[in-house]
């Protein structure tokens, strides 16, 4: 079983030599964390470490959202704060920003999302936290039902692929690279059933 998405993402980016401002450079690095995490999830599933793979799904989701938020929504001050892991909320400046605020900012600045990030978070957040924080979802793999865990493996890989492919599209836009965008479209068609 080959990680076609992971391989093709890396191949499409191997010759890039971006000259980016700080904001875009940080966003690009976060997207590379998404790509790295997708490959780790794939490898863990292949080795039948289903719980460990699932625990990384929240990391993948949060990193993709942060990369998008940093590129599209963050103020210059927040970009500077991001480098110190101390991003303040625009709504409550005395407090650190919460993930929910990033999603709200993205939904506002990217109306074509039509609430999809919020819906995704509403539907999956509890389960993602359960896997990440050793909740009941994490324990299912040890209840003697390996076939359930193996069945969930396809969903785990699909989840990871979706975010890696979306991150690739964002990187293509960021770099204004037609070849990266073409690879994004090709992967979206083949793996997500999204034709443009």
Protein backbone atom coordinates (compact mmCIF):
# COMPACT_ATOMS: atom_id res chain seq x y z
CA UNK A 1 0.00 0.00 0.00
CA UNK A 2 1.58 3.26 -1.17
CA UNK A 3 0.81 6.72 0.15
CA UNK A 4 0.03 8.17 -3.28
CA UNK A 5 -1.24 11.47 -1.88
CA UNK A 6 1.81 11.98 0.32
CA UNK A 7 4.21 11.04 -2.46
CA UNK A 8 2.59 13.25 -5.08
CA UNK A 9 2.32 16.22 -2.71
CA UNK A 10 6.04 16.07 -1.98
CA UNK A 11 6.96 15.55 -5.63
CA UNK A 12 4.93 18.60 -6.65
CA UNK A 13 6.81 20.78 -4.15
CA UNK A 14 10.36 19.46 -4.49
CA UNK A 15 11.61 22.17 -6.87
CA UNK A 16 9.99 25.17 -5.21
CA UNK A 17 12.19 28.08 -4.24
CA UNK A 18 9.77 30.53 -2.68
CA UNK A 19 10.59 34.07 -1.76
CA UNK A 20 7.85 34.84 0.70
CA UNK A 21 7.13 37.44 3.31
CA UNK A 22 7.11 36.31 6.92
CA UNK A 23 3.34 35.69 7.09
CA UNK A 24 3.31 33.53 3.96
CA UNK A 25 6.47 31.72 5.01
CA UNK A 26 4.93 30.76 8.35
CA UNK A 27 1.75 29.64 6.62
CA UNK A 28 3.80 27.55 4.19
CA UNK A 29 5.65 25.88 7.06
CA UNK A 30 2.35 25.04 8.75
CA UNK A 31 1.11 23.44 5.53
CA UNK A 32 4.30 21.37 5.51
CA UNK A 33 3.37 20.20 9.02
CA UNK A 34 0.04 19.07 7.53
CA UNK A 35 1.90 17.12 4.83
CA UNK A 36 4.25 15.58 7.39
CA UNK A 37 1.36 14.61 9.64
CA UNK A 38 -0.54 13.05 6.72
CA UNK A 39 2.48 10.84 5.99
CA UNK A 40 2.81 9.91 9.67
CA UNK A 41 -0.88 8.97 9.86
CA UNK A 42 -0.56 6.84 6.74
CA UNK A 43 2.51 5.03 8.12
CA UNK A 44 0.86 4.41 11.49
CA UNK A 45 -2.25 2.96 9.85
CA UNK A 46 -0.10 0.74 7.64
CA UNK A 47 1.62 -0.56 10.80
CA UNK A 48 -1.83 -1.08 12.43
CA UNK A 49 -1.28 1.62 15.05
CA UNK A 50 -4.84 2.87 14.54
CA UNK A 51 -5.20 4.77 17.80
CA UNK A 52 -1.94 6.64 17.40
CA UNK A 53 -2.89 7.53 13.83
CA UNK A 54 -6.30 8.78 14.93
CA UNK A 55 -4.76 10.89 17.70
CA UNK A 56 -2.95 12.88 15.01
CA UNK A 57 -6.16 13.84 13.19
CA UNK A 58 -6.81 16.78 15.50
CA UNK A 59 -3.24 17.98 14.98
CA UNK A 60 -3.79 17.80 11.23
CA UNK A 61 -7.08 19.71 11.37
CA UNK A 62 -5.78 22.42 13.72
CA UNK A 63 -2.60 22.90 11.72
CA UNK A 64 -4.50 23.30 8.45
CA UNK A 65 -6.83 25.85 10.02
CA UNK A 66 -3.93 27.77 11.59
CA UNK A 67 -2.07 27.86 8.27
CA UNK A 68 -5.14 29.27 6.54
CA UNK A 69 -5.93 31.69 9.37
CA UNK A 70 -2.37 33.01 9.49
CA UNK A 71 -2.35 33.61 5.74
CA UNK A 72 -5.81 35.16 5.44
CA UNK A 73 -6.91 36.59 8.79
CA UNK A 74 -4.09 37.33 11.21
CA UNK A 75 -3.07 40.90 11.80
CA UNK A 76 0.62 41.80 11.52
CA UNK A 77 0.74 41.91 15.31
CA UNK A 78 -0.78 38.42 15.53
CA UNK A 79 1.77 37.12 13.03
CA UNK A 80 4.51 38.43 15.31
CA UNK A 81 2.78 36.91 18.35
CA UNK A 82 2.47 33.58 16.53
CA UNK A 83 6.27 33.28 16.43
CA UNK A 84 6.23 33.39 20.24
CA UNK A 85 3.26 31.00 20.67
CA UNK A 86 1.32 33.83 22.24
CA UNK A 87 -1.36 34.97 19.78
CA UNK A 88 -3.88 37.31 21.36
CA UNK A 89 -7.54 37.36 20.47
CA UNK A 90 -8.83 40.24 18.34
CA UNK A 91 -12.15 39.97 20.21
CA UNK A 92 -10.66 39.74 23.72
CA UNK A 93 -7.18 41.30 23.44
CA UNK A 94 -6.18 40.35 26.99
CA UNK A 95 -6.72 36.67 26.22
CA UNK A 96 -5.01 34.22 23.93
CA UNK A 97 -6.92 33.41 20.77
CA UNK A 98 -8.96 30.23 20.82
CA UNK A 99 -9.31 27.84 17.92
CA UNK A 100 -13.00 28.68 17.55
CA UNK A 101 -12.13 32.32 16.85
CA UNK A 102 -9.79 31.25 14.05
CA UNK A 103 -12.58 29.24 12.46
CA UNK A 104 -15.00 32.16 12.76
CA UNK A 105 -12.43 34.51 11.22
CA UNK A 106 -11.84 32.12 8.32
CA UNK A 107 -15.54 31.65 7.68
CA UNK A 108 -15.94 35.44 7.60
CA UNK A 109 -12.97 36.00 5.27
CA UNK A 110 -13.67 33.02 3.03
CA UNK A 111 -17.42 33.13 2.41
CA UNK A 112 -17.15 30.34 -0.18
CA UNK A 113 -16.62 27.96 2.75
CA UNK A 114 -20.31 28.45 3.56
CA UNK A 115 -19.90 27.32 7.15
CA UNK A 116 -18.16 24.06 6.21
CA UNK A 117 -15.28 24.47 8.68
CA UNK A 118 -17.67 25.23 11.51
CA UNK A 119 -19.88 22.28 10.56
CA UNK A 120 -16.83 20.02 10.37
CA UNK A 121 -15.66 21.15 13.80
CA UNK A 122 -19.15 20.79 15.30
CA UNK A 123 -19.46 17.26 13.98
CA UNK A 124 -15.93 15.94 14.64
CA UNK A 125 -14.45 17.94 17.52
CA UNK A 126 -15.63 15.67 20.35
CA UNK A 127 -14.29 12.56 18.60
CA UNK A 128 -10.99 14.23 17.69
CA UNK A 129 -10.50 15.23 21.33
CA UNK A 130 -11.41 11.73 22.49
CA UNK A 131 -8.67 10.23 20.32
CA UNK A 132 -6.10 12.88 21.21
CA UNK A 133 -6.79 12.91 24.95
CA UNK A 134 -7.09 9.14 25.50
CA UNK A 135 -10.87 9.15 25.69
CA UNK A 136 -13.29 6.34 24.94
CA UNK A 137 -12.71 6.55 21.17
CA UNK A 138 -9.05 5.72 21.73
CA UNK A 139 -9.97 2.67 23.79
CA UNK A 140 -12.13 0.99 21.13
CA UNK A 141 -9.11 -0.54 19.46
CA UNK A 142 -8.37 -2.59 22.59
CA UNK A 143 -11.83 -4.12 23.00
CA UNK A 144 -11.00 -7.16 20.90
CA UNK A 145 -12.61 -5.79 17.76
CA UNK A 146 -9.70 -5.29 15.42
CA UNK A 147 -12.02 -5.37 12.40
CA UNK A 148 -13.71 -2.18 13.70
CA UNK A 149 -10.33 -0.47 14.02
CA UNK A 150 -9.26 -1.65 10.58
CA UNK A 151 -12.54 -0.40 9.10
CA UNK A 152 -11.96 2.99 10.67
CA UNK A 153 -8.47 3.03 9.14
CA UNK A 154 -9.88 3.91 5.72
CA UNK A 155 -11.73 6.86 7.25
CA UNK A 156 -8.58 7.98 9.04
CA UNK A 157 -6.56 7.95 5.81
CA UNK A 158 -9.38 9.70 3.93
CA UNK A 159 -9.47 12.43 6.60
CA UNK A 160 -5.70 12.91 6.38
CA UNK A 161 -5.77 12.93 2.58
CA UNK A 162 -8.54 15.55 2.47
CA UNK A 163 -6.59 18.02 4.58
CA UNK A 164 -3.29 17.36 2.81
CA UNK A 165 -4.95 17.93 -0.57
CA UNK A 166 -6.62 21.12 0.68
CA UNK A 167 -3.30 22.33 2.06
CA UNK A 168 -1.67 21.64 -1.30
CA UNK A 169 -4.27 23.86 -2.97
CA UNK A 170 -3.52 26.62 -0.48
CA UNK A 171 0.21 26.25 -1.11
CA UNK A 172 -0.41 26.47 -4.86
CA UNK A 173 -2.30 29.73 -4.32
CA UNK A 174 0.35 31.04 -1.95
CA UNK A 175 3.17 30.29 -4.39
CA UNK A 176 1.09 31.20 -7.45
CA UNK A 177 2.38 27.94 -8.91
CA UNK A 178 0.29 26.52 -11.76
CA UNK A 179 1.88 23.07 -11.52
CA UNK A 180 1.10 22.77 -7.81
CA UNK A 181 -2.47 23.88 -8.48
CA UNK A 182 -2.78 21.30 -11.27
CA UNK A 183 -1.56 18.58 -8.89
CA UNK A 184 -4.10 19.77 -6.30
CA UNK A 185 -6.89 19.51 -8.88
CA UNK A 186 -5.71 16.06 -9.98
CA UNK A 187 -5.57 14.74 -6.40
CA UNK A 188 -8.95 16.28 -5.53
CA UNK A 189 -10.49 14.57 -8.56
CA UNK A 190 -8.90 11.16 -7.92
CA UNK A 191 -9.16 10.96 -4.13
CA UNK A 192 -12.01 13.26 -3.17
CA UNK A 193 -14.27 12.96 -6.18
CA UNK A 194 -14.16 16.72 -6.70
CA UNK A 195 -13.97 17.70 -10.36
CA UNK A 196 -13.31 21.24 -11.47
